Amino acid sequence: FSRFCEEILKATSLAFSVLLLALKFIHRLKTRHPLLKGAEGSECRLMVCSLMLAMKVLLDNTYTNRTWNKVSKIPIEELNVMEIEFLLQLNFDLYVDEDEYFSWIHQ
């Protein structure tokens, strides 16, 4: 998993703020759904999906899902489904206010 993340981060050259927000999204998902378990290898897909969404929230000029497909080797159809499922699990709540962010960072 760590090697996969390293390769994705090198290939995309994402800003550190995108990575942090992606991790916050994963934390939010796990907090809201503590019993949610993924299949083996799903941690890579979860990371890609959270990076995709974090980039879309923070940046005006983002990678398309097709670009994420090329970088991650995850089929585009699966990326699209993963994105919707992730959003549904969070009730489309991607907003993180400043207090919540700093509270999470300082845990």
PDB file of N, CA and C in Angstrom:
ATOM      1  N   PHE A   1       0.826  -1.198   0.000  1.00  0.00           N
ATOM      2  CA  PHE A   1       0.000   0.000   0.000  1.00  0.00           C
ATOM      3  C   PHE A   1       0.869   1.262   0.000  1.00  0.00           C
ATOM      4  N   SER A   2       1.903   1.275   0.811  1.00  0.00           N
ATOM      5  CA  SER A   2       2.746   2.473   0.887  1.00  0.00           C
ATOM      6  C   SER A   2       3.452   2.740  -0.440  1.00  0.00           C
ATOM      7  N   ARG A   3       3.857   1.666  -1.115  1.00  0.00           N
ATOM      8  CA  ARG A   3       4.501   1.847  -2.419  1.00  0.00           C
ATOM      9  C   ARG A   3       3.502   2.394  -3.446  1.00  0.00           C
ATOM     10  N   PHE A   4       2.279   1.870  -3.418  1.00  0.00           N
ATOM     11  CA  PHE A   4       1.234   2.349  -4.320  1.00  0.00           C
ATOM     12  C   PHE A   4       1.008   3.845  -4.093  1.00  0.00           C
ATOM     13  N   CYS A   5       0.884   4.252  -2.827  1.00  0.00           N
ATOM     14  CA  CYS A   5       0.666   5.668  -2.507  1.00  0.00           C
ATOM     15  C   CYS A   5       1.835   6.517  -2.968  1.00  0.00           C
ATOM     16  N   GLU A   6       3.031   6.020  -2.751  1.00  0.00           N
ATOM     17  CA  GLU A   6       4.218   6.753  -3.184  1.00  0.00           C
ATOM     18  C   GLU A   6       4.204   6.980  -4.694  1.00  0.00           C
ATOM     19  N   GLU A   7       3.860   5.934  -5.440  1.00  0.00           N
ATOM     20  CA  GLU A   7       3.810   6.043  -6.899  1.00  0.00           C
ATOM     21  C   GLU A   7       2.725   7.021  -7.358  1.00  0.00           C
ATOM     22  N   ILE A   8       1.558   6.959  -6.725  1.00  0.00           N
ATOM     23  CA  ILE A   8       0.459   7.868  -7.080  1.00  0.00           C
ATOM     24  C   ILE A   8       0.859   9.314  -6.794  1.00  0.00           C
ATOM     25  N   LEU A   9       1.448   9.543  -5.637  1.00  0.00           N
ATOM     26  CA  LEU A   9       1.824  10.905  -5.260  1.00  0.00           C
ATOM     27  C   LEU A   9       2.944  11.444  -6.148  1.00  0.00           C
ATOM     28  N   LYS A  10       3.872  10.598  -6.538  1.00  0.00           N
ATOM     29  CA  LYS A  10       4.928  11.034  -7.460  1.00  0.00           C
ATOM     30  C   LYS A  10       4.354  11.356  -8.828  1.00  0.00           C
ATOM     31  N   ALA A  11       3.465  10.507  -9.309  1.00  0.00           N
ATOM     32  CA  ALA A  11       2.907  10.676 -10.650  1.00  0.00           C
ATOM     33  C   ALA A  11       2.012  11.907 -10.748  1.00  0.00           C
ATOM     34  N   THR A  12       1.340  12.249  -9.658  1.00  0.00           N
ATOM     35  CA  THR A  12       0.372  13.343  -9.713  1.00  0.00           C
ATOM     36  C   THR A  12       0.930  14.681  -9.218  1.00  0.00           C
ATOM     37  N   SER A  13       1.984  14.649  -8.449  1.00  0.00           N
ATOM     38  CA  SER A  13       2.573  15.872  -7.876  1.00  0.00           C
ATOM     39  C   SER A  13       1.518  16.737  -7.176  1.00  0.00           C
ATOM     40  N   LEU A  14       0.658  16.087  -6.425  1.00  0.00           N
ATOM     41  CA  LEU A  14      -0.410  16.811  -5.733  1.00  0.00           C
ATOM     42  C   LEU A  14       0.148  17.683  -4.617  1.00  0.00           C
ATOM     43  N   ALA A  15      -0.537  18.771  -4.363  1.00  0.00           N
ATOM     44  CA  ALA A  15      -0.173  19.641  -3.254  1.00  0.00           C
ATOM     45  C   ALA A  15      -0.418  18.910  -1.936  1.00  0.00           C
ATOM     46  N   PHE A  16       0.367  19.264  -0.924  1.00  0.00           N
ATOM     47  CA  PHE A  16       0.236  18.640   0.387  1.00  0.00           C
ATOM     48  C   PHE A  16      -1.171  18.844   0.954  1.00  0.00           C
ATOM     49  N   SER A  17      -1.784  19.984   0.663  1.00  0.00           N
ATOM     50  CA  SER A  17      -3.137  20.260   1.152  1.00  0.00           C
ATOM     51  C   SER A  17      -4.152  19.255   0.597  1.00  0.00           C
ATOM     52  N   VAL A  18      -3.935  18.802  -0.636  1.00  0.00           N
ATOM     53  CA  VAL A  18      -4.826  17.793  -1.234  1.00  0.00           C
ATOM     54  C   VAL A  18      -4.677  16.477  -0.486  1.00  0.00           C
ATOM     55  N   LEU A  19      -3.451  16.100  -0.190  1.00  0.00           N
ATOM     56  CA  LEU A  19      -3.208  14.864   0.551  1.00  0.00           C
ATOM     57  C   LEU A  19      -3.853  14.936   1.931  1.00  0.00           C
ATOM     58  N   LEU A  20      -3.677  16.034   2.621  1.00  0.00           N
ATOM     59  CA  LEU A  20      -4.263  16.166   3.956  1.00  0.00           C
ATOM     60  C   LEU A  20      -5.785  16.089   3.908  1.00  0.00           C
ATOM     61  N   LEU A  21      -6.398  16.779   2.955  1.00  0.00           N
ATOM     62  CA  LEU A  21      -7.854  16.730   2.857  1.00  0.00           C
ATOM     63  C   LEU A  21      -8.322  15.321   2.508  1.00  0.00           C
ATOM     64  N   ALA A  22      -7.604  14.634   1.654  1.00  0.00           N
ATOM     65  CA  ALA A  22      -7.955  13.251   1.318  1.00  0.00           C
ATOM     66  C   ALA A  22      -7.927  12.371   2.567  1.00  0.00           C
ATOM     67  N   LEU A  23      -6.910  12.538   3.380  1.00  0.00           N
ATOM     68  CA  LEU A  23      -6.824  11.767   4.630  1.00  0.00           C
ATOM     69  C   LEU A  23      -7.956  12.138   5.582  1.00  0.00           C
ATOM     70  N   LYS A  24      -8.333  13.406   5.600  1.00  0.00           N
ATOM     71  CA  LYS A  24      -9.471  13.829   6.425  1.00  0.00           C
ATOM     72  C   LYS A  24     -10.751  13.169   5.944  1.00  0.00           C
ATOM     73  N   PHE A  25     -10.937  13.072   4.637  1.00  0.00           N
ATOM     74  CA  PHE A  25     -12.121  12.400   4.101  1.00  0.00           C
ATOM     75  C   PHE A  25     -12.159  10.930   4.535  1.00  0.00           C
ATOM     76  N   ILE A  26     -11.020  10.266   4.490  1.00  0.00           N
ATOM     77  CA  ILE A  26     -10.956   8.862   4.918  1.00  0.00           C
ATOM     78  C   ILE A  26     -11.268   8.759   6.405  1.00  0.00           C
ATOM     79  N   HIS A  27     -10.722   9.663   7.192  1.00  0.00           N
ATOM     80  CA  HIS A  27     -11.008   9.685   8.627  1.00  0.00           C
ATOM     81  C   HIS A  27     -12.497   9.879   8.878  1.00  0.00           C
ATOM     82  N   ARG A  28     -13.097  10.793   8.145  1.00  0.00           N
ATOM     83  CA  ARG A  28     -14.542  11.047   8.287  1.00  0.00           C
ATOM     84  C   ARG A  28     -15.344   9.806   7.931  1.00  0.00           C
ATOM     85  N   LEU A  29     -14.966   9.148   6.851  1.00  0.00           N
ATOM     86  CA  LEU A  29     -15.658   7.930   6.424  1.00  0.00           C
ATOM     87  C   LEU A  29     -15.562   6.853   7.508  1.00  0.00           C
ATOM     88  N   LYS A  30     -14.369   6.646   8.043  1.00  0.00           N
ATOM     89  CA  LYS A  30     -14.168   5.611   9.065  1.00  0.00           C
ATOM     90  C   LYS A  30     -14.862   5.971  10.374  1.00  0.00           C
ATOM     91  N   THR A  31     -14.945   7.258  10.685  1.00  0.00           N
ATOM     92  CA  THR A  31     -15.630   7.700  11.901  1.00  0.00           C
ATOM     93  C   THR A  31     -17.134   7.484  11.783  1.00  0.00           C
ATOM     94  N   ARG A  32     -17.677   7.806  10.638  1.00  0.00           N
ATOM     95  CA  ARG A  32     -19.122   7.677  10.437  1.00  0.00           C
ATOM     96  C   ARG A  32     -19.573   6.240  10.216  1.00  0.00           C
ATOM     97  N   HIS A  33     -18.666   5.411   9.722  1.00  0.00           N
ATOM     98  CA  HIS A  33     -19.002   4.012   9.409  1.00  0.00           C
ATOM     99  C   HIS A  33     -17.910   3.091   9.948  1.00  0.00           C
ATOM    100  N   PRO A  34     -17.809   2.977  11.277  1.00  0.00           N
ATOM    101  CA  PRO A  34     -16.702   2.200  11.864  1.00  0.00           C
ATOM    102  C   PRO A  34     -16.718   0.715  11.514  1.00  0.00           C
ATOM    103  N   LEU A  35     -17.861   0.176  11.164  1.00  0.00           N
ATOM    104  CA  LEU A  35     -17.947  -1.245  10.830  1.00  0.00           C
ATOM    105  C   LEU A  35     -17.726  -1.526   9.346  1.00  0.00           C
ATOM    106  N   LEU A  36     -17.558  -0.474   8.561  1.00  0.00           N
ATOM    107  CA  LEU A  36     -17.361  -0.618   7.119  1.00  0.00           C
ATOM    108  C   LEU A  36     -16.017  -1.297   6.849  1.00  0.00           C
ATOM    109  N   LYS A  37     -16.065  -2.404   6.145  1.00  0.00           N
ATOM    110  CA  LYS A  37     -14.853  -3.146   5.808  1.00  0.00           C
ATOM    111  C   LYS A  37     -14.773  -3.279   4.293  1.00  0.00           C
ATOM    112  N   GLY A  38     -13.581  -3.108   3.763  1.00  0.00           N
ATOM    113  CA  GLY A  38     -13.374  -3.249   2.329  1.00  0.00           C
ATOM    114  C   GLY A  38     -12.717  -4.575   2.011  1.00  0.00           C
ATOM    115  N   ALA A  39     -12.745  -4.914   0.758  1.00  0.00           N
ATOM    116  CA  ALA A  39     -12.077  -6.134   0.297  1.00  0.00           C
ATOM    117  C   ALA A  39     -10.568  -5.909   0.328  1.00  0.00           C
ATOM    118  N   GLU A  40      -9.822  -6.995   0.291  1.00  0.00           N
ATOM    119  CA  GLU A  40      -8.370  -6.890   0.277  1.00  0.00           C
ATOM    120  C   GLU A  40      -7.934  -6.049  -0.918  1.00  0.00           C
ATOM    121  N   GLY A  41      -7.060  -5.096  -0.672  1.00  0.00           N
ATOM    122  CA  GLY A  41      -6.590  -4.213  -1.728  1.00  0.00           C
ATOM    123  C   GLY A  41      -7.430  -2.961  -1.906  1.00  0.00           C
ATOM    124  N   SER A  42      -8.554  -2.885  -1.199  1.00  0.00           N
ATOM    125  CA  SER A  42      -9.441  -1.734  -1.374  1.00  0.00           C
ATOM    126  C   SER A  42      -8.858  -0.456  -0.786  1.00  0.00           C
ATOM    127  N   GLU A  43      -7.843  -0.579   0.057  1.00  0.00           N
ATOM    128  CA  GLU A  43      -7.238   0.630   0.618  1.00  0.00           C
ATOM    129  C   GLU A  43      -6.615   1.493  -0.475  1.00  0.00           C
ATOM    130  N   CYS A  44      -6.118   0.864  -1.531  1.00  0.00           N
ATOM    131  CA  CYS A  44      -5.557   1.620  -2.659  1.00  0.00           C
ATOM    132  C   CYS A  44      -6.658   2.381  -3.382  1.00  0.00           C
ATOM    133  N   ARG A  45      -7.774   1.733  -3.583  1.00  0.00           N
ATOM    134  CA  ARG A  45      -8.899   2.368  -4.255  1.00  0.00           C
ATOM    135  C   ARG A  45      -9.464   3.510  -3.409  1.00  0.00           C
ATOM    136  N   LEU A  46      -9.542   3.276  -2.107  1.00  0.00           N
ATOM    137  CA  LEU A  46     -10.027   4.309  -1.198  1.00  0.00           C
ATOM    138  C   LEU A  46      -9.125   5.536  -1.244  1.00  0.00           C
ATOM    139  N   MET A  47      -7.834   5.318  -1.270  1.00  0.00           N
ATOM    140  CA  MET A  47      -6.890   6.434  -1.316  1.00  0.00           C
ATOM    141  C   MET A  47      -7.045   7.225  -2.616  1.00  0.00           C
ATOM    142  N   VAL A  48      -7.130   6.529  -3.735  1.00  0.00           N
ATOM    143  CA  VAL A  48      -7.293   7.203  -5.027  1.00  0.00           C
ATOM    144  C   VAL A  48      -8.592   8.007  -5.044  1.00  0.00           C
ATOM    145  N   CYS A  49      -9.657   7.413  -4.570  1.00  0.00           N
ATOM    146  CA  CYS A  49     -10.951   8.097  -4.564  1.00  0.00           C
ATOM    147  C   CYS A  49     -10.908   9.339  -3.681  1.00  0.00           C
ATOM    148  N   SER A  50     -10.318   9.220  -2.513  1.00  0.00           N
ATOM    149  CA  SER A  50     -10.254  10.385  -1.624  1.00  0.00           C
ATOM    150  C   SER A  50      -9.357  11.477  -2.206  1.00  0.00           C
ATOM    151  N   LEU A  51      -8.280  11.097  -2.883  1.00  0.00           N
ATOM    152  CA  LEU A  51      -7.428  12.091  -3.548  1.00  0.00           C
ATOM    153  C   LEU A  51      -8.176  12.786  -4.681  1.00  0.00           C
ATOM    154  N   MET A  52      -8.935  12.008  -5.452  1.00  0.00           N
ATOM    155  CA  MET A  52      -9.729  12.583  -6.540  1.00  0.00           C
ATOM    156  C   MET A  52     -10.681  13.651  -6.005  1.00  0.00           C
ATOM    157  N   LEU A  53     -11.392  13.303  -4.946  1.00  0.00           N
ATOM    158  CA  LEU A  53     -12.382  14.229  -4.398  1.00  0.00           C
ATOM    159  C   LEU A  53     -11.730  15.431  -3.737  1.00  0.00           C
ATOM    160  N   ALA A  54     -10.644  15.205  -3.022  1.00  0.00           N
ATOM    161  CA  ALA A  54      -9.946  16.322  -2.374  1.00  0.00           C
ATOM    162  C   ALA A  54      -9.447  17.316  -3.421  1.00  0.00           C
ATOM    163  N   MET A  55      -8.930  16.801  -4.509  1.00  0.00           N
ATOM    164  CA  MET A  55      -8.437  17.674  -5.575  1.00  0.00           C
ATOM    165  C   MET A  55      -9.592  18.474  -6.177  1.00  0.00           C
ATOM    166  N   LYS A  56     -10.733  17.815  -6.367  1.00  0.00           N
ATOM    167  CA  LYS A  56     -11.893  18.502  -6.944  1.00  0.00           C
ATOM    168  C   LYS A  56     -12.436  19.582  -6.004  1.00  0.00           C
ATOM    169  N   VAL A  57     -12.318  19.357  -4.701  1.00  0.00           N
ATOM    170  CA  VAL A  57     -12.796  20.344  -3.729  1.00  0.00           C
ATOM    171  C   VAL A  57     -11.859  21.545  -3.667  1.00  0.00           C
ATOM    172  N   LEU A  58     -10.567  21.296  -3.681  1.00  0.00           N
ATOM    173  CA  LEU A  58      -9.597  22.364  -3.436  1.00  0.00           C
ATOM    174  C   LEU A  58      -9.146  23.137  -4.673  1.00  0.00           C
ATOM    175  N   LEU A  59      -9.149  22.498  -5.817  1.00  0.00           N
ATOM    176  CA  LEU A  59      -8.539  23.117  -6.994  1.00  0.00           C
ATOM    177  C   LEU A  59      -9.555  23.357  -8.104  1.00  0.00           C
ATOM    178  N   ASP A  60      -9.378  24.433  -8.828  1.00  0.00           N
ATOM    179  CA  ASP A  60     -10.245  24.725  -9.970  1.00  0.00           C
ATOM    180  C   ASP A  60      -9.885  23.870 -11.176  1.00  0.00           C
ATOM    181  N   ASN A  61      -8.601  23.633 -11.368  1.00  0.00           N
ATOM    182  CA  ASN A  61      -8.123  22.844 -12.502  1.00  0.00           C
ATOM    183  C   ASN A  61      -7.687  21.485 -11.977  1.00  0.00           C
ATOM    184  N   THR A  62      -8.522  20.458 -12.175  1.00  0.00           N
ATOM    185  CA  THR A  62      -8.251  19.143 -11.593  1.00  0.00           C
ATOM    186  C   THR A  62      -8.042  18.093 -12.683  1.00  0.00           C
ATOM    187  N   TYR A  63      -7.515  16.962 -12.249  1.00  0.00           N
ATOM    188  CA  TYR A  63      -7.384  15.832 -13.166  1.00  0.00           C
ATOM    189  C   TYR A  63      -8.761  15.237 -13.435  1.00  0.00           C
ATOM    190  N   THR A  64      -8.947  14.746 -14.626  1.00  0.00           N
ATOM    191  CA  THR A  64     -10.186  14.035 -14.949  1.00  0.00           C
ATOM    192  C   THR A  64     -10.095  12.622 -14.377  1.00  0.00           C
ATOM    193  N   ASN A  65     -11.229  11.965 -14.325  1.00  0.00           N
ATOM    194  CA  ASN A  65     -11.216  10.571 -13.868  1.00  0.00           C
ATOM    195  C   ASN A  65     -10.418   9.697 -14.842  1.00  0.00           C
ATOM    196  N   ARG A  66     -10.365  10.084 -16.093  1.00  0.00           N
ATOM    197  CA  ARG A  66      -9.560   9.343 -17.068  1.00  0.00           C
ATOM    198  C   ARG A  66      -8.074   9.442 -16.715  1.00  0.00           C
ATOM    199  N   THR A  67      -7.639  10.611 -16.259  1.00  0.00           N
ATOM    200  CA  THR A  67      -6.249  10.760 -15.827  1.00  0.00           C
ATOM    201  C   THR A  67      -5.978   9.881 -14.616  1.00  0.00           C
ATOM    202  N   TRP A  68      -6.924   9.852 -13.676  1.00  0.00           N
ATOM    203  CA  TRP A  68      -6.755   8.985 -12.501  1.00  0.00           C
ATOM    204  C   TRP A  68      -6.702   7.521 -12.921  1.00  0.00           C
ATOM    205  N   ASN A  69      -7.447   7.176 -13.944  1.00  0.00           N
ATOM    206  CA  ASN A  69      -7.412   5.822 -14.501  1.00  0.00           C
ATOM    207  C   ASN A  69      -6.010   5.488 -15.004  1.00  0.00           C
ATOM    208  N   LYS A  70      -5.408   6.406 -15.734  1.00  0.00           N
ATOM    209  CA  LYS A  70      -4.069   6.167 -16.281  1.00  0.00           C
ATOM    210  C   LYS A  70      -3.027   6.058 -15.174  1.00  0.00           C
ATOM    211  N   VAL A  71      -3.153   6.884 -14.156  1.00  0.00           N
ATOM    212  CA  VAL A  71      -2.177   6.902 -13.071  1.00  0.00           C
ATOM    213  C   VAL A  71      -2.333   5.689 -12.153  1.00  0.00           C
ATOM    214  N   SER A  72      -3.574   5.333 -11.840  1.00  0.00           N
ATOM    215  CA  SER A  72      -3.827   4.277 -10.852  1.00  0.00           C
ATOM    216  C   SER A  72      -4.025   2.890 -11.459  1.00  0.00           C
ATOM    217  N   LYS A  73      -4.305   2.846 -12.754  1.00  0.00           N
ATOM    218  CA  LYS A  73      -4.622   1.584 -13.449  1.00  0.00           C
ATOM    219  C   LYS A  73      -5.966   0.990 -13.000  1.00  0.00           C
ATOM    220  N   ILE A  74      -6.781   1.804 -12.347  1.00  0.00           N
ATOM    221  CA  ILE A  74      -8.128   1.378 -11.968  1.00  0.00           C
ATOM    222  C   ILE A  74      -9.053   1.740 -13.125  1.00  0.00           C
ATOM    223  N   PRO A  75      -9.841   0.783 -13.624  1.00  0.00           N
ATOM    224  CA  PRO A  75     -10.731   1.069 -14.759  1.00  0.00           C
ATOM    225  C   PRO A  75     -11.628   2.280 -14.483  1.00  0.00           C
ATOM    226  N   ILE A  76     -11.829   3.086 -15.505  1.00  0.00           N
ATOM    227  CA  ILE A  76     -12.591   4.329 -15.368  1.00  0.00           C
ATOM    228  C   ILE A  76     -14.001   4.076 -14.839  1.00  0.00           C
ATOM    229  N   GLU A  77     -14.624   3.005 -15.278  1.00  0.00           N
ATOM    230  CA  GLU A  77     -15.976   2.698 -14.816  1.00  0.00           C
ATOM    231  C   GLU A  77     -15.975   2.471 -13.307  1.00  0.00           C
ATOM    232  N   GLU A  78     -14.950   1.788 -12.807  1.00  0.00           N
ATOM    233  CA  GLU A  78     -14.844   1.536 -11.373  1.00  0.00           C
ATOM    234  C   GLU A  78     -14.559   2.830 -10.613  1.00  0.00           C
ATOM    235  N   LEU A  79     -13.733   3.697 -11.179  1.00  0.00           N
ATOM    236  CA  LEU A  79     -13.466   4.990 -10.540  1.00  0.00           C
ATOM    237  C   LEU A  79     -14.752   5.790 -10.387  1.00  0.00           C
ATOM    238  N   ASN A  80     -15.564   5.794 -11.425  1.00  0.00           N
ATOM    239  CA  ASN A  80     -16.825   6.536 -11.380  1.00  0.00           C
ATOM    240  C   ASN A  80     -17.756   5.986 -10.301  1.00  0.00           C
ATOM    241  N   VAL A  81     -17.852   4.661 -10.220  1.00  0.00           N
ATOM    242  CA  VAL A  81     -18.700   4.028  -9.198  1.00  0.00           C
ATOM    243  C   VAL A  81     -18.138   4.298  -7.806  1.00  0.00           C
ATOM    244  N   MET A  82     -16.824   4.175  -7.651  1.00  0.00           N
ATOM    245  CA  MET A  82     -16.187   4.417  -6.355  1.00  0.00           C
ATOM    246  C   MET A  82     -16.455   5.846  -5.878  1.00  0.00           C
ATOM    247  N   GLU A  83     -16.368   6.782  -6.785  1.00  0.00           N
ATOM    248  CA  GLU A  83     -16.580   8.183  -6.434  1.00  0.00           C
ATOM    249  C   GLU A  83     -17.998   8.404  -5.910  1.00  0.00           C
ATOM    250  N   ILE A  84     -18.975   7.871  -6.596  1.00  0.00           N
ATOM    251  CA  ILE A  84     -20.373   8.018  -6.166  1.00  0.00           C
ATOM    252  C   ILE A  84     -20.598   7.312  -4.827  1.00  0.00           C
ATOM    253  N   GLU A  85     -20.058   6.099  -4.674  1.00  0.00           N
ATOM    254  CA  GLU A  85     -20.237   5.365  -3.422  1.00  0.00           C
ATOM    255  C   GLU A  85     -19.595   6.107  -2.253  1.00  0.00           C
ATOM    256  N   PHE A  86     -18.424   6.676  -2.470  1.00  0.00           N
ATOM    257  CA  PHE A  86     -17.743   7.429  -1.424  1.00  0.00           C
ATOM    258  C   PHE A  86     -18.589   8.639  -1.022  1.00  0.00           C
ATOM    259  N   LEU A  87     -19.074   9.362  -2.021  1.00  0.00           N
ATOM    260  CA  LEU A  87     -19.913  10.524  -1.756  1.00  0.00           C
ATOM    261  C   LEU A  87     -21.194  10.138  -1.016  1.00  0.00           C
ATOM    262  N   LEU A  88     -21.803   9.043  -1.402  1.00  0.00           N
ATOM    263  CA  LEU A  88     -23.021   8.581  -0.726  1.00  0.00           C
ATOM    264  C   LEU A  88     -22.747   8.237   0.729  1.00  0.00           C
ATOM    265  N   GLN A  89     -21.629   7.580   0.991  1.00  0.00           N
ATOM    266  CA  GLN A  89     -21.282   7.213   2.366  1.00  0.00           C
ATOM    267  C   GLN A  89     -21.056   8.445   3.243  1.00  0.00           C
ATOM    268  N   LEU A  90     -20.647   9.548   2.633  1.00  0.00           N
ATOM    269  CA  LEU A  90     -20.433  10.797   3.370  1.00  0.00           C
ATOM    270  C   LEU A  90     -21.616  11.756   3.244  1.00  0.00           C
ATOM    271  N   ASN A  91     -22.714  11.279   2.663  1.00  0.00           N
ATOM    272  CA  ASN A  91     -23.880  12.138   2.413  1.00  0.00           C
ATOM    273  C   ASN A  91     -23.486  13.392   1.640  1.00  0.00           C
ATOM    274  N   PHE A  92     -22.526  13.248   0.748  1.00  0.00           N
ATOM    275  CA  PHE A  92     -22.028  14.346  -0.084  1.00  0.00           C
ATOM    276  C   PHE A  92     -21.453  15.495   0.764  1.00  0.00           C
ATOM    277  N   ASP A  93     -21.104  15.202   2.000  1.00  0.00           N
ATOM    278  CA  ASP A  93     -20.583  16.211   2.925  1.00  0.00           C
ATOM    279  C   ASP A  93     -19.059  16.244   2.839  1.00  0.00           C
ATOM    280  N   LEU A  94     -18.543  17.113   1.988  1.00  0.00           N
ATOM    281  CA  LEU A  94     -17.101  17.240   1.812  1.00  0.00           C
ATOM    282  C   LEU A  94     -16.559  18.529   2.433  1.00  0.00           C
ATOM    283  N   TYR A  95     -17.440  19.324   3.014  1.00  0.00           N
ATOM    284  CA  TYR A  95     -17.000  20.584   3.605  1.00  0.00           C
ATOM    285  C   TYR A  95     -16.304  20.316   4.940  1.00  0.00           C
ATOM    286  N   VAL A  96     -15.139  20.922   5.112  1.00  0.00           N
ATOM    287  CA  VAL A  96     -14.402  20.837   6.373  1.00  0.00           C
ATOM    288  C   VAL A  96     -14.112  22.267   6.807  1.00  0.00           C
ATOM    289  N   ASP A  97     -14.723  22.666   7.917  1.00  0.00           N
ATOM    290  CA  ASP A  97     -14.459  24.036   8.368  1.00  0.00           C
ATOM    291  C   ASP A  97     -13.111  24.099   9.097  1.00  0.00           C
ATOM    292  N   GLU A  98     -12.664  25.304   9.323  1.00  0.00           N
ATOM    293  CA  GLU A  98     -11.329  25.528   9.877  1.00  0.00           C
ATOM    294  C   GLU A  98     -11.163  24.887  11.257  1.00  0.00           C
ATOM    295  N   ASP A  99     -12.161  25.021  12.122  1.00  0.00           N
ATOM    296  CA  ASP A  99     -12.071  24.443  13.468  1.00  0.00           C
ATOM    297  C   ASP A  99     -11.967  22.922  13.411  1.00  0.00           C
ATOM    298  N   GLU A 100     -12.794  22.308  12.579  1.00  0.00           N
ATOM    299  CA  GLU A 100     -12.755  20.850  12.443  1.00  0.00           C
ATOM    300  C   GLU A 100     -11.400  20.395  11.907  1.00  0.00           C
ATOM    301  N   TYR A 101     -10.886  21.113  10.929  1.00  0.00           N
ATOM    302  CA  TYR A 101      -9.607  20.761  10.323  1.00  0.00           C
ATOM    303  C   TYR A 101      -8.482  20.814  11.352  1.00  0.00           C
ATOM    304  N   PHE A 102      -8.379  21.921  12.075  1.00  0.00           N
ATOM    305  CA  PHE A 102      -7.281  22.060  13.025  1.00  0.00           C
ATOM    306  C   PHE A 102      -7.440  21.126  14.220  1.00  0.00           C
ATOM    307  N   SER A 103      -8.665  20.864  14.616  1.00  0.00           N
ATOM    308  CA  SER A 103      -8.904  19.895  15.685  1.00  0.00           C
ATOM    309  C   SER A 103      -8.429  18.512  15.257  1.00  0.00           C
ATOM    310  N   TRP A 104      -8.718  18.145  14.016  1.00  0.00           N
ATOM    311  CA  TRP A 104      -8.297  16.842  13.486  1.00  0.00           C
ATOM    312  C   TRP A 104      -6.774  16.782  13.353  1.00  0.00           C
ATOM    313  N   ILE A 105      -6.149  17.824  12.874  1.00  0.00           N
ATOM    314  CA  ILE A 105      -4.696  17.866  12.699  1.00  0.00           C
ATOM    315  C   ILE A 105      -3.977  17.708  14.030  1.00  0.00           C
ATOM    316  N   HIS A 106      -4.529  18.296  15.079  1.00  0.00           N
ATOM    317  CA  HIS A 106      -3.857  18.310  16.388  1.00  0.00           C
ATOM    318  C   HIS A 106      -4.217  17.122  17.267  1.00  0.00           C
ATOM    319  N   GLN A 107      -4.947  16.149  16.731  1.00  0.00           N
ATOM    320  CA  GLN A 107      -5.291  14.949  17.528  1.00  0.00           C
ATOM    321  C   GLN A 107      -4.061  14.151  17.842  1.00  0.00           C
TER     322      GLN A 107
END
